[in-house]
Amino acid sequence: EVFVLKRIFLERGDKYRLSGLREAVFGRRLASRPEVARFVEAFNRTGPEQEGGKAELWLVFRHEGSSLDSMLYTRVESGTTLMLKPS
């Protein structure tokens, strides 16, 4: 199985924490719908010491294939830079 992980940096403020929690709640509610990525779980973690040991919220989804942004945008890679251009 393949999963997609989304990391939310909680030190950015309460609105980011609430946004992540909202995504987890609706992910659970919509998990059985075929139109959306299936939500698996959410968990909190403290980041590594070398990165400041800050609190993070992680959201886990099943990989459902091509993402919407891959259909709307073309990836343009140049060295270590990635740019998305409208398709």
PDB file of N, CA and C in Angstrom:
ATOM      1  N   GLU A   1       0.838  -1.188   0.000  1.00  0.00           N
ATOM      2  CA  GLU A   1       0.000   0.000   0.000  1.00  0.00           C
ATOM      3  C   GLU A   1       0.878   1.245   0.000  1.00  0.00           C
ATOM      4  N   VAL A   2       0.386   2.285  -0.633  1.00  0.00           N
ATOM      5  CA  VAL A   2       1.107   3.547  -0.721  1.00  0.00           C
ATOM      6  C   VAL A   2       0.284   4.615  -0.005  1.00  0.00           C
ATOM      7  N   PHE A   3       0.970   5.460   0.758  1.00  0.00           N
ATOM      8  CA  PHE A   3       0.302   6.503   1.527  1.00  0.00           C
ATOM      9  C   PHE A   3       0.865   7.868   1.179  1.00  0.00           C
ATOM     10  N   VAL A   4       0.054   8.882   1.416  1.00  0.00           N
ATOM     11  CA  VAL A   4       0.467  10.274   1.274  1.00  0.00           C
ATOM     12  C   VAL A   4       0.436  10.877   2.666  1.00  0.00           C
ATOM     13  N   LEU A   5       1.554  11.505   3.074  1.00  0.00           N
ATOM     14  CA  LEU A   5       1.651  12.135   4.390  1.00  0.00           C
ATOM     15  C   LEU A   5       1.640  13.647   4.229  1.00  0.00           C
ATOM     16  N   LYS A   6       0.896  14.305   5.081  1.00  0.00           N
ATOM     17  CA  LYS A   6       0.817  15.764   5.065  1.00  0.00           C
ATOM     18  C   LYS A   6       1.232  16.261   6.444  1.00  0.00           C
ATOM     19  N   ARG A   7       2.271  17.093   6.498  1.00  0.00           N
ATOM     20  CA  ARG A   7       2.786  17.601   7.772  1.00  0.00           C
ATOM     21  C   ARG A   7       2.339  19.045   7.961  1.00  0.00           C
ATOM     22  N   ILE A   8       1.792  19.330   9.131  1.00  0.00           N
ATOM     23  CA  ILE A   8       1.351  20.684   9.465  1.00  0.00           C
ATOM     24  C   ILE A   8       2.192  21.173  10.636  1.00  0.00           C
ATOM     25  N   PHE A   9       2.839  22.318  10.453  1.00  0.00           N
ATOM     26  CA  PHE A   9       3.688  22.898  11.487  1.00  0.00           C
ATOM     27  C   PHE A   9       2.815  23.692  12.455  1.00  0.00           C
ATOM     28  N   LEU A  10       2.659  23.193  13.660  1.00  0.00           N
ATOM     29  CA  LEU A  10       1.736  23.801  14.617  1.00  0.00           C
ATOM     30  C   LEU A  10       2.238  25.116  15.193  1.00  0.00           C
ATOM     31  N   GLU A  11       3.537  25.391  15.121  1.00  0.00           N
ATOM     32  CA  GLU A  11       4.056  26.655  15.655  1.00  0.00           C
ATOM     33  C   GLU A  11       3.605  27.857  14.831  1.00  0.00           C
ATOM     34  N   ARG A  12       3.036  27.602  13.669  1.00  0.00           N
ATOM     35  CA  ARG A  12       2.563  28.702  12.808  1.00  0.00           C
ATOM     36  C   ARG A  12       1.285  29.346  13.331  1.00  0.00           C
ATOM     37  N   GLY A  13       0.652  28.719  14.283  1.00  0.00           N
ATOM     38  CA  GLY A  13      -0.526  29.335  14.880  1.00  0.00           C
ATOM     39  C   GLY A  13      -1.717  28.397  14.967  1.00  0.00           C
ATOM     40  N   ASP A  14      -2.686  28.847  15.730  1.00  0.00           N
ATOM     41  CA  ASP A  14      -3.866  28.050  16.011  1.00  0.00           C
ATOM     42  C   ASP A  14      -4.688  27.763  14.757  1.00  0.00           C
ATOM     43  N   LYS A  15      -4.704  28.704  13.808  1.00  0.00           N
ATOM     44  CA  LYS A  15      -5.504  28.478  12.600  1.00  0.00           C
ATOM     45  C   LYS A  15      -4.975  27.292  11.795  1.00  0.00           C
ATOM     46  N   TYR A  16      -3.673  27.036  11.851  1.00  0.00           N
ATOM     47  CA  TYR A  16      -3.106  25.882  11.149  1.00  0.00           C
ATOM     48  C   TYR A  16      -3.474  24.582  11.867  1.00  0.00           C
ATOM     49  N   ARG A  17      -3.432  24.604  13.199  1.00  0.00           N
ATOM     50  CA  ARG A  17      -3.816  23.430  13.979  1.00  0.00           C
ATOM     51  C   ARG A  17      -5.276  23.091  13.719  1.00  0.00           C
ATOM     52  N   LEU A  18      -6.140  24.108  13.777  1.00  0.00           N
ATOM     53  CA  LEU A  18      -7.562  23.887  13.548  1.00  0.00           C
ATOM     54  C   LEU A  18      -7.843  23.417  12.127  1.00  0.00           C
ATOM     55  N   SER A  19      -7.106  23.940  11.175  1.00  0.00           N
ATOM     56  CA  SER A  19      -7.265  23.505   9.782  1.00  0.00           C
ATOM     57  C   SER A  19      -6.924  22.023   9.644  1.00  0.00           C
ATOM     58  N   GLY A  20      -5.836  21.597  10.271  1.00  0.00           N
ATOM     59  CA  GLY A  20      -5.454  20.187  10.222  1.00  0.00           C
ATOM     60  C   GLY A  20      -6.467  19.294  10.907  1.00  0.00           C
ATOM     61  N   LEU A  21      -6.963  19.728  12.066  1.00  0.00           N
ATOM     62  CA  LEU A  21      -7.966  18.946  12.780  1.00  0.00           C
ATOM     63  C   LEU A  21      -9.263  18.860  11.978  1.00  0.00           C
ATOM     64  N   ARG A  22      -9.631  19.959  11.330  1.00  0.00           N
ATOM     65  CA  ARG A  22     -10.832  19.973  10.483  1.00  0.00           C
ATOM     66  C   ARG A  22     -10.668  18.984   9.323  1.00  0.00           C
ATOM     67  N   GLU A  23      -9.489  18.970   8.737  1.00  0.00           N
ATOM     68  CA  GLU A  23      -9.237  18.042   7.635  1.00  0.00           C
ATOM     69  C   GLU A  23      -9.335  16.592   8.114  1.00  0.00           C
ATOM     70  N   ALA A  24      -8.866  16.323   9.336  1.00  0.00           N
ATOM     71  CA  ALA A  24      -8.958  14.972   9.903  1.00  0.00           C
ATOM     72  C   ALA A  24     -10.413  14.586  10.162  1.00  0.00           C
ATOM     73  N   VAL A  25     -11.212  15.506  10.718  1.00  0.00           N
ATOM     74  CA  VAL A  25     -12.625  15.218  10.997  1.00  0.00           C
ATOM     75  C   VAL A  25     -13.373  14.906   9.705  1.00  0.00           C
ATOM     76  N   PHE A  26     -13.209  15.765   8.695  1.00  0.00           N
ATOM     77  CA  PHE A  26     -13.908  15.520   7.433  1.00  0.00           C
ATOM     78  C   PHE A  26     -13.324  14.319   6.696  1.00  0.00           C
ATOM     79  N   GLY A  27     -12.036  14.061   6.874  1.00  0.00           N
ATOM     80  CA  GLY A  27     -11.442  12.865   6.281  1.00  0.00           C
ATOM     81  C   GLY A  27     -12.089  11.598   6.820  1.00  0.00           C
ATOM     82  N   ARG A  28     -12.348  11.585   8.132  1.00  0.00           N
ATOM     83  CA  ARG A  28     -13.022  10.425   8.739  1.00  0.00           C
ATOM     84  C   ARG A  28     -14.462  10.310   8.238  1.00  0.00           C
ATOM     85  N   ARG A  29     -15.154  11.440   8.148  1.00  0.00           N
ATOM     86  CA  ARG A  29     -16.561  11.427   7.716  1.00  0.00           C
ATOM     87  C   ARG A  29     -16.725  11.011   6.261  1.00  0.00           C
ATOM     88  N   LEU A  30     -15.773  11.380   5.423  1.00  0.00           N
ATOM     89  CA  LEU A  30     -15.886  11.123   3.992  1.00  0.00           C
ATOM     90  C   LEU A  30     -15.068   9.918   3.531  1.00  0.00           C
ATOM     91  N   ALA A  31     -14.509   9.159   4.457  1.00  0.00           N
ATOM     92  CA  ALA A  31     -13.583   8.070   4.125  1.00  0.00           C
ATOM     93  C   ALA A  31     -14.201   7.008   3.223  1.00  0.00           C
ATOM     94  N   SER A  32     -15.503   6.825   3.283  1.00  0.00           N
ATOM     95  CA  SER A  32     -16.130   5.773   2.470  1.00  0.00           C
ATOM     96  C   SER A  32     -16.579   6.268   1.091  1.00  0.00           C
ATOM     97  N   ARG A  33     -16.387   7.542   0.810  1.00  0.00           N
ATOM     98  CA  ARG A  33     -16.802   8.100  -0.490  1.00  0.00           C
ATOM     99  C   ARG A  33     -15.748   7.808  -1.549  1.00  0.00           C
ATOM    100  N   PRO A  34     -16.159   7.372  -2.729  1.00  0.00           N
ATOM    101  CA  PRO A  34     -15.181   7.060  -3.776  1.00  0.00           C
ATOM    102  C   PRO A  34     -14.550   8.299  -4.411  1.00  0.00           C
ATOM    103  N   GLU A  35     -15.126   9.487  -4.197  1.00  0.00           N
ATOM    104  CA  GLU A  35     -14.638  10.697  -4.869  1.00  0.00           C
ATOM    105  C   GLU A  35     -13.467  11.353  -4.162  1.00  0.00           C
ATOM    106  N   VAL A  36     -13.150  10.942  -2.947  1.00  0.00           N
ATOM    107  CA  VAL A  36     -12.101  11.621  -2.181  1.00  0.00           C
ATOM    108  C   VAL A  36     -11.033  10.626  -1.741  1.00  0.00           C
ATOM    109  N   ALA A  37      -9.841  11.156  -1.463  1.00  0.00           N
ATOM    110  CA  ALA A  37      -8.760  10.316  -0.949  1.00  0.00           C
ATOM    111  C   ALA A  37      -9.166   9.770   0.415  1.00  0.00           C
ATOM    112  N   ARG A  38      -8.911   8.492   0.636  1.00  0.00           N
ATOM    113  CA  ARG A  38      -9.299   7.865   1.899  1.00  0.00           C
ATOM    114  C   ARG A  38      -8.362   8.267   3.020  1.00  0.00           C
ATOM    115  N   PHE A  39      -8.923   8.870   4.033  1.00  0.00           N
ATOM    116  CA  PHE A  39      -8.177   9.285   5.222  1.00  0.00           C
ATOM    117  C   PHE A  39      -7.860   8.044   6.045  1.00  0.00           C
ATOM    118  N   VAL A  40      -6.640   7.954   6.582  1.00  0.00           N
ATOM    119  CA  VAL A  40      -6.229   6.814   7.384  1.00  0.00           C
ATOM    120  C   VAL A  40      -6.144   7.193   8.852  1.00  0.00           C
ATOM    121  N   GLU A  41      -5.344   8.217   9.168  1.00  0.00           N
ATOM    122  CA  GLU A  41      -5.201   8.638  10.564  1.00  0.00           C
ATOM    123  C   GLU A  41      -4.512   9.991  10.657  1.00  0.00           C
ATOM    124  N   ALA A  42      -4.560  10.553  11.865  1.00  0.00           N
ATOM    125  CA  ALA A  42      -3.838  11.777  12.195  1.00  0.00           C
ATOM    126  C   ALA A  42      -3.057  11.503  13.474  1.00  0.00           C
ATOM    127  N   PHE A  43      -1.867  12.084  13.563  1.00  0.00           N
ATOM    128  CA  PHE A  43      -1.094  11.930  14.800  1.00  0.00           C
ATOM    129  C   PHE A  43      -0.217  13.153  15.014  1.00  0.00           C
ATOM    130  N   ASN A  44       0.107  13.413  16.276  1.00  0.00           N
ATOM    131  CA  ASN A  44       0.993  14.508  16.652  1.00  0.00           C
ATOM    132  C   ASN A  44       2.389  13.954  16.853  1.00  0.00           C
ATOM    133  N   ARG A  45       3.368  14.786  16.567  1.00  0.00           N
ATOM    134  CA  ARG A  45       4.767  14.387  16.720  1.00  0.00           C
ATOM    135  C   ARG A  45       5.590  15.625  17.029  1.00  0.00           C
ATOM    136  N   THR A  46       6.640  15.440  17.794  1.00  0.00           N
ATOM    137  CA  THR A  46       7.602  16.505  18.002  1.00  0.00           C
ATOM    138  C   THR A  46       8.730  16.296  17.014  1.00  0.00           C
ATOM    139  N   GLY A  47       9.059  17.338  16.270  1.00  0.00           N
ATOM    140  CA  GLY A  47      10.095  17.234  15.248  1.00  0.00           C
ATOM    141  C   GLY A  47      11.464  16.983  15.843  1.00  0.00           C
ATOM    142  N   PRO A  48      12.448  16.676  14.987  1.00  0.00           N
ATOM    143  CA  PRO A  48      13.808  16.399  15.446  1.00  0.00           C
ATOM    144  C   PRO A  48      14.445  17.610  16.121  1.00  0.00           C
ATOM    145  N   GLU A  49      15.333  17.336  17.043  1.00  0.00           N
ATOM    146  CA  GLU A  49      16.035  18.407  17.773  1.00  0.00           C
ATOM    147  C   GLU A  49      16.763  19.351  16.820  1.00  0.00           C
ATOM    148  N   GLN A  50      17.388  18.812  15.772  1.00  0.00           N
ATOM    149  CA  GLN A  50      18.138  19.657  14.839  1.00  0.00           C
ATOM    150  C   GLN A  50      17.231  20.617  14.072  1.00  0.00           C
ATOM    151  N   GLU A  51      15.918  20.346  14.090  1.00  0.00           N
ATOM    152  CA  GLU A  51      14.952  21.248  13.442  1.00  0.00           C
ATOM    153  C   GLU A  51      14.192  22.068  14.477  1.00  0.00           C
ATOM    154  N   GLY A  52      14.655  22.056  15.713  1.00  0.00           N
ATOM    155  CA  GLY A  52      14.043  22.876  16.755  1.00  0.00           C
ATOM    156  C   GLY A  52      13.060  22.146  17.650  1.00  0.00           C
ATOM    157  N   GLY A  53      12.785  20.879  17.375  1.00  0.00           N
ATOM    158  CA  GLY A  53      11.891  20.091  18.225  1.00  0.00           C
ATOM    159  C   GLY A  53      10.484  20.648  18.328  1.00  0.00           C
ATOM    160  N   LYS A  54       9.962  21.183  17.235  1.00  0.00           N
ATOM    161  CA  LYS A  54       8.638  21.815  17.246  1.00  0.00           C
ATOM    162  C   LYS A  54       7.527  20.802  17.005  1.00  0.00           C
ATOM    163  N   ALA A  55       6.339  21.135  17.507  1.00  0.00           N
ATOM    164  CA  ALA A  55       5.178  20.245  17.384  1.00  0.00           C
ATOM    165  C   ALA A  55       4.670  20.212  15.946  1.00  0.00           C
ATOM    166  N   GLU A  56       4.280  19.014  15.520  1.00  0.00           N
ATOM    167  CA  GLU A  56       3.753  18.804  14.179  1.00  0.00           C
ATOM    168  C   GLU A  56       2.485  17.955  14.255  1.00  0.00           C
ATOM    169  N   LEU A  57       1.574  18.202  13.341  1.00  0.00           N
ATOM    170  CA  LEU A  57       0.405  17.350  13.154  1.00  0.00           C
ATOM    171  C   LEU A  57       0.575  16.685  11.800  1.00  0.00           C
ATOM    172  N   TRP A  58       0.454  15.359  11.775  1.00  0.00           N
ATOM    173  CA  TRP A  58       0.591  14.604  10.536  1.00  0.00           C
ATOM    174  C   TRP A  58      -0.752  13.996  10.160  1.00  0.00           C
ATOM    175  N   LEU A  59      -1.116  14.112   8.882  1.00  0.00           N
ATOM    176  CA  LEU A  59      -2.328  13.499   8.342  1.00  0.00           C
ATOM    177  C   LEU A  59      -1.901  12.438   7.331  1.00  0.00           C
ATOM    178  N   VAL A  60      -2.531  11.281   7.392  1.00  0.00           N
ATOM    179  CA  VAL A  60      -2.168  10.164   6.512  1.00  0.00           C
ATOM    180  C   VAL A  60      -3.377   9.799   5.653  1.00  0.00           C
ATOM    181  N   PHE A  61      -3.150   9.738   4.343  1.00  0.00           N
ATOM    182  CA  PHE A  61      -4.178   9.362   3.372  1.00  0.00           C
ATOM    183  C   PHE A  61      -3.650   8.231   2.505  1.00  0.00           C
ATOM    184  N   ARG A  62      -4.544   7.429   1.968  1.00  0.00           N
ATOM    185  CA  ARG A  62      -4.146   6.426   0.985  1.00  0.00           C
ATOM    186  C   ARG A  62      -3.867   7.133  -0.341  1.00  0.00           C
ATOM    187  N   HIS A  63      -2.852   6.688  -1.033  1.00  0.00           N
ATOM    188  CA  HIS A  63      -2.544   7.241  -2.353  1.00  0.00           C
ATOM    189  C   HIS A  63      -3.603   6.722  -3.326  1.00  0.00           C
ATOM    190  N   GLU A  64      -4.324   7.639  -3.959  1.00  0.00           N
ATOM    191  CA  GLU A  64      -5.430   7.262  -4.837  1.00  0.00           C
ATOM    192  C   GLU A  64      -5.114   7.453  -6.314  1.00  0.00           C
ATOM    193  N   GLY A  65      -3.853   7.650  -6.653  1.00  0.00           N
ATOM    194  CA  GLY A  65      -3.490   7.833  -8.059  1.00  0.00           C
ATOM    195  C   GLY A  65      -3.117   9.280  -8.337  1.00  0.00           C
ATOM    196  N   SER A  66      -3.420   9.743  -9.520  1.00  0.00           N
ATOM    197  CA  SER A  66      -3.070  11.112  -9.916  1.00  0.00           C
ATOM    198  C   SER A  66      -3.795  12.129  -9.054  1.00  0.00           C
ATOM    199  N   SER A  67      -3.069  13.166  -8.675  1.00  0.00           N
ATOM    200  CA  SER A  67      -3.678  14.232  -7.879  1.00  0.00           C
ATOM    201  C   SER A  67      -4.319  15.270  -8.798  1.00  0.00           C
ATOM    202  N   LEU A  68      -5.214  16.049  -8.230  1.00  0.00           N
ATOM    203  CA  LEU A  68      -5.890  17.081  -9.012  1.00  0.00           C
ATOM    204  C   LEU A  68      -4.884  18.084  -9.571  1.00  0.00           C
ATOM    205  N   ASP A  69      -3.878  18.464  -8.769  1.00  0.00           N
ATOM    206  CA  ASP A  69      -2.918  19.447  -9.268  1.00  0.00           C
ATOM    207  C   ASP A  69      -2.106  18.907 -10.450  1.00  0.00           C
ATOM    208  N   SER A  70      -1.914  17.580 -10.532  1.00  0.00           N
ATOM    209  CA  SER A  70      -1.190  17.025 -11.683  1.00  0.00           C
ATOM    210  C   SER A  70      -2.032  17.117 -12.954  1.00  0.00           C
ATOM    211  N   MET A  71      -3.341  17.233 -12.802  1.00  0.00           N
ATOM    212  CA  MET A  71      -4.213  17.388 -13.961  1.00  0.00           C
ATOM    213  C   MET A  71      -4.356  18.854 -14.368  1.00  0.00           C
ATOM    214  N   LEU A  72      -4.173  19.755 -13.399  1.00  0.00           N
ATOM    215  CA  LEU A  72      -4.336  21.178 -13.659  1.00  0.00           C
ATOM    216  C   LEU A  72      -3.035  21.882 -14.020  1.00  0.00           C
ATOM    217  N   TYR A  73      -1.903  21.310 -13.562  1.00  0.00           N
ATOM    218  CA  TYR A  73      -0.606  21.960 -13.742  1.00  0.00           C
ATOM    219  C   TYR A  73       0.399  21.014 -14.366  1.00  0.00           C
ATOM    220  N   THR A  74       1.357  21.594 -15.092  1.00  0.00           N
ATOM    221  CA  THR A  74       2.469  20.857 -15.662  1.00  0.00           C
ATOM    222  C   THR A  74       3.696  21.124 -14.806  1.00  0.00           C
ATOM    223  N   ARG A  75       4.412  20.070 -14.454  1.00  0.00           N
ATOM    224  CA  ARG A  75       5.624  20.216 -13.642  1.00  0.00           C
ATOM    225  C   ARG A  75       6.797  20.604 -14.540  1.00  0.00           C
ATOM    226  N   VAL A  76       7.518  21.654 -14.149  1.00  0.00           N
ATOM    227  CA  VAL A  76       8.720  22.079 -14.861  1.00  0.00           C
ATOM    228  C   VAL A  76       9.863  22.027 -13.867  1.00  0.00           C
ATOM    229  N   GLU A  77      10.797  21.092 -14.097  1.00  0.00           N
ATOM    230  CA  GLU A  77      11.924  20.920 -13.189  1.00  0.00           C
ATOM    231  C   GLU A  77      13.179  21.500 -13.804  1.00  0.00           C
ATOM    232  N   SER A  78      13.938  22.221 -12.967  1.00  0.00           N
ATOM    233  CA  SER A  78      15.196  22.801 -13.398  1.00  0.00           C
ATOM    234  C   SER A  78      16.182  22.652 -12.251  1.00  0.00           C
ATOM    235  N   GLY A  79      17.060  21.679 -12.362  1.00  0.00           N
ATOM    236  CA  GLY A  79      18.004  21.430 -11.268  1.00  0.00           C
ATOM    237  C   GLY A  79      17.267  20.983 -10.024  1.00  0.00           C
ATOM    238  N   THR A  80      17.391  21.745  -8.967  1.00  0.00           N
ATOM    239  CA  THR A  80      16.707  21.411  -7.703  1.00  0.00           C
ATOM    240  C   THR A  80      15.419  22.182  -7.523  1.00  0.00           C
ATOM    241  N   THR A  81      15.012  22.923  -8.544  1.00  0.00           N
ATOM    242  CA  THR A  81      13.793  23.745  -8.457  1.00  0.00           C
ATOM    243  C   THR A  81      12.652  23.084  -9.212  1.00  0.00           C
ATOM    244  N   LEU A  82      11.484  23.128  -8.615  1.00  0.00           N
ATOM    245  CA  LEU A  82      10.278  22.596  -9.270  1.00  0.00           C
ATOM    246  C   LEU A  82       9.266  23.726  -9.365  1.00  0.00           C
ATOM    247  N   MET A  83       8.729  23.947 -10.561  1.00  0.00           N
ATOM    248  CA  MET A  83       7.728  24.985 -10.759  1.00  0.00           C
ATOM    249  C   MET A  83       6.505  24.335 -11.400  1.00  0.00           C
ATOM    250  N   LEU A  84       5.316  24.784 -10.991  1.00  0.00           N
ATOM    251  CA  LEU A  84       4.084  24.299 -11.580  1.00  0.00           C
ATOM    252  C   LEU A  84       3.510  25.387 -12.479  1.00  0.00           C
ATOM    253  N   LYS A  85       3.197  25.011 -13.723  1.00  0.00           N
ATOM    254  CA  LYS A  85       2.604  25.947 -14.672  1.00  0.00           C
ATOM    255  C   LYS A  85       1.219  25.431 -15.050  1.00  0.00           C
ATOM    256  N   PRO A  86       0.258  26.324 -15.236  1.00  0.00           N
ATOM    257  CA  PRO A  86      -1.073  25.898 -15.653  1.00  0.00           C
ATOM    258  C   PRO A  86      -1.003  25.087 -16.944  1.00  0.00           C
ATOM    259  N   SER A  87      -1.755  23.996 -16.993  1.00  0.00           N
ATOM    260  CA  SER A  87      -1.771  23.141 -18.193  1.00  0.00           C
ATOM    261  C   SER A  87      -2.601  23.753 -19.292  1.00  0.00           C
TER     262      SER A  87
END
